[in-house]
Amino acid sequence: MRVALHTKVRANRIADYEAAHRDVPKELTVAIRAAGATSWTIWRSGTDLFHILECEDYARLLAELDELPVNVAWQARMAEILDVVHDYSDQGADASLPVVWELP
């Protein structure tokens, strides 16, 4: 399944966000793949972040990562940098963007 997400980085933390993503912990990327993700790309336009994630089951991926110490630390780090967090908000797995149109 493909999941599209929209998050926002704080304007004064863009450099921190990009620096963090140049050095995502290997343990975290391994865990994300083990939870079913096959790809994850993030684009930035100003403070808007757009993610495309391909995985077997997004809700399961979130559940498997939920209490993993490396992910808990990563989410705490991102909470300081982001204005809108997608995967640990009240919306959880329902926070993705619905498909409106796709090129046939």
N, C-alpha and C. Protein backbone atom coordinates (compact mmCIF):
# COMPACT_ATOMS: atom_id res chain seq x y z
N MET A 1 0.85 -1.18 0.00
CA MET A 1 0.00 0.00 0.00
C MET A 1 0.89 1.24 0.00
N ARG A 2 0.38 2.30 -0.62
CA ARG A 2 1.07 3.59 -0.59
C ARG A 2 0.36 4.51 0.38
N VAL A 3 1.13 5.20 1.19
CA VAL A 3 0.59 6.15 2.15
C VAL A 3 1.22 7.51 1.87
N ALA A 4 0.37 8.53 1.72
CA ALA A 4 0.85 9.89 1.53
C ALA A 4 0.57 10.67 2.81
N LEU A 5 1.59 11.36 3.29
CA LEU A 5 1.46 12.11 4.54
C LEU A 5 1.89 13.55 4.32
N HIS A 6 1.34 14.45 5.10
CA HIS A 6 1.70 15.86 5.07
C HIS A 6 2.02 16.29 6.49
N THR A 7 3.25 16.71 6.71
CA THR A 7 3.65 17.23 8.01
C THR A 7 4.23 18.61 7.81
N LYS A 8 4.55 19.28 8.90
CA LYS A 8 5.13 20.62 8.82
C LYS A 8 6.31 20.72 9.78
N VAL A 9 7.39 21.28 9.28
CA VAL A 9 8.55 21.55 10.11
C VAL A 9 8.47 23.00 10.59
N ARG A 10 8.93 23.25 11.80
CA ARG A 10 8.95 24.63 12.31
C ARG A 10 9.94 25.44 11.47
N ALA A 11 9.55 26.63 11.10
CA ALA A 11 10.36 27.46 10.20
C ALA A 11 11.78 27.66 10.71
N ASN A 12 11.94 27.78 12.00
CA ASN A 12 13.27 28.01 12.56
C ASN A 12 14.04 26.71 12.80
N ARG A 13 13.48 25.55 12.38
CA ARG A 13 14.13 24.25 12.62
C ARG A 13 14.37 23.46 11.33
N ILE A 14 14.23 24.11 10.17
CA ILE A 14 14.42 23.41 8.89
C ILE A 14 15.81 22.79 8.81
N ALA A 15 16.83 23.55 9.16
CA ALA A 15 18.20 23.02 9.09
C ALA A 15 18.37 21.82 10.02
N ASP A 16 17.76 21.88 11.21
CA ASP A 16 17.84 20.75 12.15
C ASP A 16 17.15 19.52 11.59
N TYR A 17 15.99 19.73 10.95
CA TYR A 17 15.23 18.62 10.37
C TYR A 17 16.05 17.94 9.27
N GLU A 18 16.61 18.75 8.39
CA GLU A 18 17.38 18.17 7.29
C GLU A 18 18.65 17.49 7.81
N ALA A 19 19.29 18.08 8.81
CA ALA A 19 20.48 17.45 9.40
C ALA A 19 20.12 16.11 10.04
N ALA A 20 19.01 16.06 10.74
CA ALA A 20 18.59 14.80 11.37
C ALA A 20 18.37 13.72 10.33
N HIS A 21 17.81 14.09 9.19
CA HIS A 21 17.52 13.09 8.16
C HIS A 21 18.74 12.71 7.32
N ARG A 22 19.83 13.43 7.47
CA ARG A 22 21.08 12.98 6.86
C ARG A 22 21.73 11.89 7.69
N ASP A 23 21.25 11.72 8.93
CA ASP A 23 21.85 10.76 9.86
C ASP A 23 20.78 9.99 10.64
N VAL A 24 19.80 9.42 9.93
CA VAL A 24 18.78 8.60 10.58
C VAL A 24 19.47 7.35 11.12
N PRO A 25 19.23 7.02 12.39
CA PRO A 25 19.90 5.84 12.96
C PRO A 25 19.64 4.57 12.15
N LYS A 26 20.70 3.85 11.86
CA LYS A 26 20.60 2.60 11.09
C LYS A 26 19.62 1.64 11.77
N GLU A 27 19.64 1.58 13.10
CA GLU A 27 18.73 0.71 13.83
C GLU A 27 17.27 1.05 13.53
N LEU A 28 16.99 2.35 13.33
CA LEU A 28 15.63 2.78 13.01
C LEU A 28 15.25 2.38 11.59
N THR A 29 16.14 2.58 10.63
CA THR A 29 15.80 2.21 9.26
C THR A 29 15.61 0.71 9.13
N VAL A 30 16.41 -0.06 9.84
CA VAL A 30 16.25 -1.51 9.84
C VAL A 30 14.88 -1.89 10.43
N ALA A 31 14.51 -1.24 11.52
CA ALA A 31 13.21 -1.52 12.17
C ALA A 31 12.05 -1.13 11.28
N ILE A 32 12.16 -0.01 10.57
CA ILE A 32 11.10 0.43 9.66
C ILE A 32 10.90 -0.59 8.55
N ARG A 33 12.00 -1.07 8.00
CA ARG A 33 11.90 -2.11 6.95
C ARG A 33 11.33 -3.40 7.51
N ALA A 34 11.77 -3.79 8.71
CA ALA A 34 11.27 -5.02 9.33
C ALA A 34 9.78 -4.93 9.62
N ALA A 35 9.28 -3.72 9.85
CA ALA A 35 7.85 -3.51 10.11
C ALA A 35 7.03 -3.49 8.83
N GLY A 36 7.70 -3.63 7.67
CA GLY A 36 6.96 -3.76 6.41
C GLY A 36 7.14 -2.65 5.40
N ALA A 37 7.91 -1.62 5.71
CA ALA A 37 8.11 -0.53 4.74
C ALA A 37 9.11 -0.97 3.67
N THR A 38 8.79 -0.65 2.43
CA THR A 38 9.72 -0.93 1.33
C THR A 38 10.36 0.34 0.79
N SER A 39 9.72 1.49 1.03
CA SER A 39 10.32 2.77 0.65
C SER A 39 9.64 3.89 1.43
N TRP A 40 10.38 5.00 1.58
CA TRP A 40 9.84 6.19 2.25
C TRP A 40 10.63 7.37 1.72
N THR A 41 9.94 8.29 1.07
CA THR A 41 10.57 9.49 0.53
C THR A 41 9.88 10.70 1.12
N ILE A 42 10.67 11.72 1.46
CA ILE A 42 10.13 12.97 2.01
C ILE A 42 10.62 14.12 1.13
N TRP A 43 9.66 14.97 0.71
CA TRP A 43 9.98 16.20 -0.01
C TRP A 43 9.63 17.38 0.88
N ARG A 44 10.35 18.50 0.71
CA ARG A 44 10.05 19.71 1.47
C ARG A 44 9.80 20.87 0.54
N SER A 45 8.74 21.62 0.81
CA SER A 45 8.44 22.88 0.13
C SER A 45 8.20 23.90 1.23
N GLY A 46 9.18 24.76 1.47
CA GLY A 46 9.09 25.68 2.61
C GLY A 46 9.04 24.87 3.89
N THR A 47 7.99 25.06 4.67
CA THR A 47 7.85 24.30 5.92
C THR A 47 6.97 23.05 5.75
N ASP A 48 6.42 22.86 4.57
CA ASP A 48 5.57 21.70 4.31
C ASP A 48 6.41 20.49 3.90
N LEU A 49 6.12 19.36 4.53
CA LEU A 49 6.80 18.11 4.23
C LEU A 49 5.79 17.13 3.66
N PHE A 50 6.14 16.50 2.55
CA PHE A 50 5.26 15.54 1.90
C PHE A 50 5.98 14.19 1.86
N HIS A 51 5.33 13.16 2.36
CA HIS A 51 5.92 11.83 2.46
C HIS A 51 5.13 10.87 1.58
N ILE A 52 5.85 9.99 0.91
CA ILE A 52 5.24 8.82 0.25
C ILE A 52 5.92 7.61 0.86
N LEU A 53 5.12 6.77 1.47
CA LEU A 53 5.59 5.58 2.15
C LEU A 53 4.93 4.38 1.52
N GLU A 54 5.71 3.39 1.17
CA GLU A 54 5.15 2.14 0.66
C GLU A 54 5.42 1.07 1.70
N CYS A 55 4.34 0.38 2.08
CA CYS A 55 4.46 -0.64 3.11
C CYS A 55 3.35 -1.66 2.95
N GLU A 56 3.47 -2.75 3.68
CA GLU A 56 2.44 -3.78 3.64
C GLU A 56 1.17 -3.32 4.35
N ASP A 57 1.34 -2.73 5.54
CA ASP A 57 0.19 -2.35 6.37
C ASP A 57 0.65 -1.20 7.27
N TYR A 58 0.18 0.01 7.00
CA TYR A 58 0.64 1.20 7.74
C TYR A 58 0.29 1.13 9.22
N ALA A 59 -0.90 0.70 9.56
CA ALA A 59 -1.28 0.60 10.98
C ALA A 59 -0.37 -0.39 11.71
N ARG A 60 -0.07 -1.49 11.06
CA ARG A 60 0.84 -2.48 11.67
C ARG A 60 2.23 -1.91 11.82
N LEU A 61 2.71 -1.19 10.81
CA LEU A 61 4.02 -0.57 10.88
C LEU A 61 4.11 0.35 12.09
N LEU A 62 3.10 1.20 12.27
CA LEU A 62 3.09 2.11 13.42
C LEU A 62 3.07 1.34 14.74
N ALA A 63 2.26 0.30 14.79
CA ALA A 63 2.16 -0.49 16.02
C ALA A 63 3.48 -1.17 16.36
N GLU A 64 4.16 -1.69 15.35
CA GLU A 64 5.43 -2.37 15.59
C GLU A 64 6.52 -1.41 16.04
N LEU A 65 6.46 -0.17 15.59
CA LEU A 65 7.48 0.81 15.95
C LEU A 65 7.16 1.55 17.25
N ASP A 66 5.91 1.49 17.66
CA ASP A 66 5.40 2.33 18.73
C ASP A 66 6.27 2.39 19.97
N GLU A 67 6.69 1.28 20.51
CA GLU A 67 7.44 1.28 21.76
C GLU A 67 8.91 0.91 21.58
N LEU A 68 9.36 0.84 20.36
CA LEU A 68 10.75 0.53 20.08
C LEU A 68 11.63 1.71 20.55
N PRO A 69 12.59 1.49 21.46
CA PRO A 69 13.36 2.60 22.02
C PRO A 69 13.98 3.56 21.00
N VAL A 70 14.53 3.03 19.90
CA VAL A 70 15.13 3.92 18.91
C VAL A 70 14.07 4.80 18.25
N ASN A 71 12.86 4.28 18.06
CA ASN A 71 11.79 5.07 17.48
C ASN A 71 11.24 6.07 18.48
N VAL A 72 11.11 5.67 19.74
CA VAL A 72 10.64 6.59 20.78
C VAL A 72 11.58 7.79 20.85
N ALA A 73 12.89 7.54 20.81
CA ALA A 73 13.87 8.63 20.84
C ALA A 73 13.76 9.50 19.59
N TRP A 74 13.58 8.88 18.42
CA TRP A 74 13.44 9.62 17.17
C TRP A 74 12.19 10.50 17.20
N GLN A 75 11.08 9.94 17.65
CA GLN A 75 9.83 10.70 17.71
C GLN A 75 9.95 11.88 18.68
N ALA A 76 10.65 11.69 19.77
CA ALA A 76 10.86 12.80 20.72
C ALA A 76 11.69 13.90 20.06
N ARG A 77 12.70 13.50 19.31
CA ARG A 77 13.53 14.47 18.58
C ARG A 77 12.70 15.22 17.54
N MET A 78 11.87 14.49 16.78
CA MET A 78 11.04 15.13 15.76
C MET A 78 9.97 16.03 16.38
N ALA A 79 9.47 15.68 17.54
CA ALA A 79 8.45 16.50 18.21
C ALA A 79 8.97 17.90 18.53
N GLU A 80 10.27 18.02 18.72
CA GLU A 80 10.87 19.33 18.98
C GLU A 80 11.04 20.16 17.71
N ILE A 81 11.03 19.49 16.56
CA ILE A 81 11.32 20.13 15.28
C ILE A 81 10.06 20.37 14.44
N LEU A 82 9.09 19.49 14.57
CA LEU A 82 7.89 19.54 13.73
C LEU A 82 6.74 20.28 14.40
N ASP A 83 5.95 20.97 13.59
CA ASP A 83 4.69 21.55 14.05
C ASP A 83 3.56 20.54 13.93
N VAL A 84 3.60 19.70 12.90
CA VAL A 84 2.58 18.68 12.66
C VAL A 84 3.29 17.34 12.51
N VAL A 85 2.99 16.42 13.42
CA VAL A 85 3.57 15.08 13.38
C VAL A 85 2.49 14.13 12.88
N HIS A 86 2.82 13.23 11.96
CA HIS A 86 1.79 12.38 11.37
C HIS A 86 1.53 11.09 12.12
N ASP A 87 2.55 10.37 12.54
CA ASP A 87 2.29 9.00 12.96
C ASP A 87 2.00 8.80 14.43
N TYR A 88 2.21 9.78 15.25
CA TYR A 88 1.90 9.61 16.67
C TYR A 88 0.93 10.68 17.14
N SER A 89 0.14 11.19 16.21
CA SER A 89 -0.92 12.14 16.55
C SER A 89 -2.16 11.36 16.96
N ASP A 90 -3.20 12.07 17.32
CA ASP A 90 -4.46 11.42 17.67
C ASP A 90 -5.04 10.66 16.48
N GLN A 91 -4.65 11.04 15.27
CA GLN A 91 -5.19 10.39 14.08
C GLN A 91 -4.51 9.06 13.79
N GLY A 92 -3.27 8.90 14.21
CA GLY A 92 -2.55 7.65 14.00
C GLY A 92 -2.54 7.23 12.55
N ALA A 93 -2.89 5.99 12.29
CA ALA A 93 -2.84 5.43 10.94
C ALA A 93 -3.84 6.08 10.01
N ASP A 94 -4.82 6.81 10.52
CA ASP A 94 -5.78 7.50 9.67
C ASP A 94 -5.32 8.88 9.25
N ALA A 95 -4.07 9.23 9.55
CA ALA A 95 -3.56 10.57 9.26
C ALA A 95 -3.10 10.73 7.82
N SER A 96 -3.20 9.69 7.01
CA SER A 96 -2.71 9.79 5.64
C SER A 96 -3.64 10.60 4.75
N LEU A 97 -3.09 11.06 3.64
CA LEU A 97 -3.87 11.84 2.68
C LEU A 97 -4.65 10.90 1.78
N PRO A 98 -5.94 11.14 1.57
CA PRO A 98 -6.72 10.27 0.69
C PRO A 98 -6.34 10.54 -0.78
N VAL A 99 -6.39 9.50 -1.60
CA VAL A 99 -6.15 9.65 -3.03
C VAL A 99 -7.36 10.32 -3.68
N VAL A 100 -7.11 11.37 -4.44
CA VAL A 100 -8.17 12.07 -5.15
C VAL A 100 -8.12 11.67 -6.64
N TRP A 101 -6.93 11.56 -7.18
CA TRP A 101 -6.78 11.24 -8.60
C TRP A 101 -5.42 10.60 -8.81
N GLU A 102 -5.34 9.69 -9.76
CA GLU A 102 -4.09 9.04 -10.10
C GLU A 102 -4.04 8.87 -11.61
N LEU A 103 -2.91 9.17 -12.22
CA LEU A 103 -2.75 9.03 -13.66
C LEU A 103 -2.96 7.58 -14.05
N PRO A 104 -3.93 7.33 -14.93
CA PRO A 104 -4.19 5.94 -15.32
C PRO A 104 -3.05 5.38 -16.17
